N, C-alpha and C. Protein backbone atom coordinates (compact mmCIF):
# COMPACT_ATOMS: atom_id res chain seq x y z
N UNK A 1 -11.61 6.02 44.32
CA UNK A 1 -10.51 4.79 44.87
C UNK A 1 -10.55 3.51 43.59
N UNK A 2 -11.85 3.17 43.18
CA UNK A 2 -11.35 2.26 41.76
C UNK A 2 -10.72 2.70 41.08
N UNK A 3 -10.68 3.78 40.51
CA UNK A 3 -10.28 4.23 39.47
C UNK A 3 -8.73 4.61 39.67
N UNK A 4 -8.28 4.95 40.86
CA UNK A 4 -6.94 4.88 41.20
C UNK A 4 -6.21 3.57 41.24
N UNK A 5 -6.93 2.77 41.73
CA UNK A 5 -6.60 1.16 41.91
C UNK A 5 -6.07 0.59 40.24
N UNK A 6 -7.50 1.05 39.37
CA UNK A 6 -7.33 0.41 38.18
C UNK A 6 -6.24 1.11 37.42
N UNK A 7 -6.10 2.38 37.78
CA UNK A 7 -4.98 2.90 36.86
C UNK A 7 -3.55 2.50 37.31
N UNK A 8 -3.36 1.97 38.63
CA UNK A 8 -2.16 1.42 39.27
C UNK A 8 -2.09 0.47 38.22
N UNK A 9 -2.83 -0.57 38.40
CA UNK A 9 -2.79 -2.13 38.12
C UNK A 9 -2.64 -1.87 36.53
N UNK A 10 -3.23 -1.29 35.94
CA UNK A 10 -3.07 -1.11 34.38
C UNK A 10 -1.54 -0.66 33.98
N UNK A 11 -0.98 0.49 34.92
CA UNK A 11 0.37 0.97 34.69
C UNK A 11 1.45 -0.19 34.80
N UNK A 12 0.89 -1.26 36.12
CA UNK A 12 2.06 -2.18 36.42
C UNK A 12 2.15 -3.37 35.27
N UNK A 13 0.83 -3.54 34.62
CA UNK A 13 0.52 -4.63 33.81
C UNK A 13 1.60 -3.96 32.66
N UNK A 14 1.42 -2.76 32.05
CA UNK A 14 1.89 -2.03 30.83
C UNK A 14 3.73 -2.43 30.87
N UNK A 15 3.87 -1.90 32.27
CA UNK A 15 5.26 -1.81 32.60
C UNK A 15 6.03 -3.50 32.59
N UNK A 16 5.19 -4.45 33.09
CA UNK A 16 5.72 -5.80 33.10
C UNK A 16 5.24 -6.23 31.37
N UNK A 17 4.54 -6.20 30.74
CA UNK A 17 4.67 -6.43 29.62
C UNK A 17 5.83 -6.00 28.57
N UNK A 18 6.17 -4.60 28.82
CA UNK A 18 6.93 -3.98 27.76
C UNK A 18 8.37 -4.52 28.47
N UNK A 19 8.68 -4.73 29.74
CA UNK A 19 9.88 -5.52 30.16
C UNK A 19 10.13 -6.93 29.52
N UNK A 20 8.66 -7.60 29.72
CA UNK A 20 8.97 -9.06 29.06
C UNK A 20 9.38 -8.83 27.74
N UNK A 21 8.55 -8.57 26.71
CA UNK A 21 8.90 -8.39 25.39
C UNK A 21 10.44 -7.63 24.85
N UNK A 22 10.92 -6.71 25.82
CA UNK A 22 12.01 -6.24 25.50
C UNK A 22 12.92 -7.44 25.88
N UNK A 23 12.83 -8.08 27.04
CA UNK A 23 13.89 -8.88 27.37
C UNK A 23 14.04 -10.34 26.53
N UNK A 24 12.53 -10.66 26.00
CA UNK A 24 12.50 -11.71 25.06
C UNK A 24 13.17 -11.48 23.70
N UNK A 25 13.04 -10.00 23.56
CA UNK A 25 13.90 -9.49 22.32
C UNK A 25 15.34 -9.54 22.30
N UNK A 26 15.69 -8.88 23.43
CA UNK A 26 16.94 -8.53 23.71
C UNK A 26 18.01 -9.40 24.34
N UNK A 27 17.21 -10.36 25.55
CA UNK A 27 18.04 -11.28 26.48
C UNK A 27 18.91 -10.34 27.36
N UNK A 28 18.67 -8.90 27.46
CA UNK A 28 19.25 -8.12 28.33
C UNK A 28 18.71 -7.47 29.53
N UNK A 29 18.56 -7.50 30.61
CA UNK A 29 18.06 -6.87 31.65
C UNK A 29 17.83 -5.40 31.78
N UNK A 30 19.33 -4.89 31.24
CA UNK A 30 19.29 -3.40 31.55
C UNK A 30 18.57 -3.09 30.24
N UNK A 31 18.52 -3.63 29.08
CA UNK A 31 17.86 -3.04 28.18
C UNK A 31 16.41 -3.05 28.31
N UNK A 32 16.03 -4.31 28.85
CA UNK A 32 14.56 -4.41 29.19
C UNK A 32 13.72 -3.51 29.99
N UNK A 33 14.50 -3.08 31.28
CA UNK A 33 14.15 -2.19 31.92
C UNK A 33 14.12 -0.94 31.40
N UNK A 34 15.18 -0.29 30.73
CA UNK A 34 14.96 0.85 30.41
C UNK A 34 13.87 1.04 29.37
N UNK A 35 13.69 0.03 28.47
CA UNK A 35 12.41 0.08 28.00
C UNK A 35 11.45 0.38 28.20
N UNK A 36 11.25 -0.60 29.13
CA UNK A 36 9.97 -0.47 30.19
C UNK A 36 9.57 0.65 30.72
N UNK A 37 10.59 1.28 31.02
CA UNK A 37 10.26 2.64 31.99
C UNK A 37 10.06 3.73 30.83
N UNK A 38 10.90 3.80 29.74
CA UNK A 38 11.14 4.86 28.86
C UNK A 38 9.93 4.69 27.64
N UNK A 39 9.57 3.56 27.34
CA UNK A 39 8.26 3.52 26.54
C UNK A 39 6.74 4.02 26.89
N UNK A 40 6.38 3.50 28.02
CA UNK A 40 5.39 4.28 28.68
C UNK A 40 5.36 6.00 28.85
N UNK A 41 6.45 6.53 28.67
CA UNK A 41 6.71 7.89 28.95
C UNK A 41 6.21 8.49 27.35
N UNK A 42 7.04 7.86 26.51
CA UNK A 42 7.07 8.37 25.25
C UNK A 42 5.46 8.03 24.86
N UNK A 43 4.86 6.86 24.98
CA UNK A 43 3.48 6.47 24.55
C UNK A 43 2.56 7.49 25.18
N UNK A 44 2.49 8.22 26.35
CA UNK A 44 1.64 9.05 27.11
C UNK A 44 1.94 10.38 26.12
N UNK A 45 2.72 10.68 25.57
CA UNK A 45 3.36 12.01 24.82
C UNK A 45 2.56 11.80 23.52
N UNK A 46 3.02 10.91 22.91
CA UNK A 46 2.25 10.31 21.78
C UNK A 46 0.82 10.20 21.48
N UNK A 47 -0.01 9.60 22.73
CA UNK A 47 -1.33 9.63 22.93
C UNK A 47 -1.71 11.34 22.93
N UNK A 48 -1.05 11.96 23.93
CA UNK A 48 -1.42 13.21 23.68
C UNK A 48 -1.51 14.34 22.43
N UNK A 49 -0.52 13.80 21.34
CA UNK A 49 -0.46 14.40 20.34
C UNK A 49 -1.50 13.90 19.26
N UNK A 50 -1.63 12.59 19.38
CA UNK A 50 -2.79 11.75 18.86
C UNK A 50 -4.11 12.47 19.05
N UNK A 51 -4.41 12.73 20.29
CA UNK A 51 -5.72 13.07 20.74
C UNK A 51 -6.10 14.85 20.07
N UNK A 52 -4.82 15.26 20.36
CA UNK A 52 -4.89 17.01 19.85
C UNK A 52 -5.16 16.65 18.39
N UNK A 53 -4.63 15.93 17.71
CA UNK A 53 -5.00 15.58 16.33
C UNK A 53 -6.31 15.39 15.93
N UNK A 54 -6.52 14.38 16.55
CA UNK A 54 -8.27 14.22 16.58
C UNK A 54 -9.13 15.26 17.28
N UNK A 55 -8.84 15.88 17.56
CA UNK A 55 -9.81 17.18 18.38
C UNK A 55 -9.66 18.08 17.14
N UNK A 56 -8.55 18.37 16.66
CA UNK A 56 -8.66 19.58 15.56
C UNK A 56 -9.31 19.22 14.52
N UNK A 57 -9.09 17.60 13.92
CA UNK A 57 -10.01 17.24 12.99
C UNK A 57 -11.50 17.31 13.24
N UNK A 58 -11.82 16.89 14.50
CA UNK A 58 -13.62 17.13 14.80
C UNK A 58 -13.52 18.65 14.63
N UNK A 59 -13.10 19.48 15.15
CA UNK A 59 -13.18 20.98 15.11
C UNK A 59 -13.73 21.52 13.58
N UNK A 60 -12.63 20.82 12.89
CA UNK A 60 -12.68 21.21 11.23
C UNK A 60 -14.00 20.71 10.72
N UNK A 61 -13.99 19.54 11.01
CA UNK A 61 -15.26 18.40 10.35
C UNK A 61 -16.48 19.42 10.90
N UNK A 62 -16.60 19.87 12.14
CA UNK A 62 -17.72 20.60 12.47
C UNK A 62 -17.90 22.04 11.99
N UNK A 63 -16.84 22.59 11.63
CA UNK A 63 -16.81 23.85 10.90
C UNK A 63 -17.48 23.69 9.40
N UNK A 64 -16.85 22.47 8.88
CA UNK A 64 -17.41 22.58 7.33
C UNK A 64 -18.67 21.90 7.60
N UNK A 65 -19.31 21.02 8.38
CA UNK A 65 -20.58 20.60 8.45
C UNK A 65 -21.64 22.38 8.58
N UNK A 66 -21.18 22.69 9.50
CA UNK A 66 -22.00 24.35 9.75
C UNK A 66 -21.93 25.06 8.69
N UNK A 67 -20.50 25.24 7.63
CA UNK A 67 -20.66 26.20 6.66
C UNK A 67 -21.61 25.34 5.59
N UNK A 68 -21.46 24.04 5.15
CA UNK A 68 -22.27 23.46 4.49
C UNK A 68 -23.90 23.64 4.86
N UNK A 69 -24.28 23.77 6.06
CA UNK A 69 -25.60 23.79 6.43
C UNK A 69 -26.32 25.03 5.97
N UNK A 70 -25.13 26.36 6.30
CA UNK A 70 -25.28 27.49 6.35
C UNK A 70 -25.79 27.98 5.07
N UNK A 71 -25.06 27.36 3.88
CA UNK A 71 -24.94 27.70 2.72
C UNK A 71 -26.06 26.87 2.07
N UNK A 72 -26.72 26.03 2.25
CA UNK A 72 -27.46 24.97 1.45
C UNK A 72 -28.69 25.78 1.46
N UNK A 73 -29.69 25.78 0.19
CA UNK A 73 -30.82 26.44 0.23
C UNK A 73 -31.80 26.05 0.92
N UNK A 74 -32.98 26.51 1.46
CA UNK A 74 -33.99 26.19 2.65
C UNK A 74 -34.28 25.01 1.59
N UNK A 75 -34.93 23.80 2.12
CA UNK A 75 -35.52 22.78 1.52
C UNK A 75 -37.07 23.07 1.69
N UNK A 76 -37.41 22.31 0.57
CA UNK A 76 -39.09 22.31 0.12
C UNK A 76 -39.88 22.35 1.48
N UNK A 77 -39.93 21.69 2.27
CA UNK A 77 -40.24 21.34 3.51
C UNK A 77 -40.36 22.74 4.45
N UNK A 78 -39.11 23.42 4.57
CA UNK A 78 -38.95 24.34 5.14
C UNK A 78 -39.72 25.56 4.57
N UNK A 79 -39.43 25.66 3.09
CA UNK A 79 -40.10 26.82 2.55
C UNK A 79 -41.50 26.72 2.56
N UNK A 80 -42.15 25.62 2.65
CA UNK A 80 -43.91 25.08 2.59
C UNK A 80 -44.16 26.09 4.18
N UNK A 81 -43.26 25.65 4.93
CA UNK A 81 -43.82 25.79 6.36
C UNK A 81 -43.69 27.52 6.61
N UNK A 82 -42.87 27.74 6.00
CA UNK A 82 -42.82 29.40 6.06
C UNK A 82 -44.13 30.68 5.69
């Protein structure tokens, strides 16, 4: 319940700030409301794309690390223990 309430209050704050900034820049309530409604939708899509890009980068880094580890010669400590 707390998470749902927190999400709702954050969305309300985001909408209020977006409308206020758009109104301050345009002095037009119609434009301000349009920006306040459209901007969070665009932001949501862009966040999703951003997360996907970071996930791909993390996977590539993990694959590169794994490839580097598998091609490195055994260390002196590892050889001594064998």
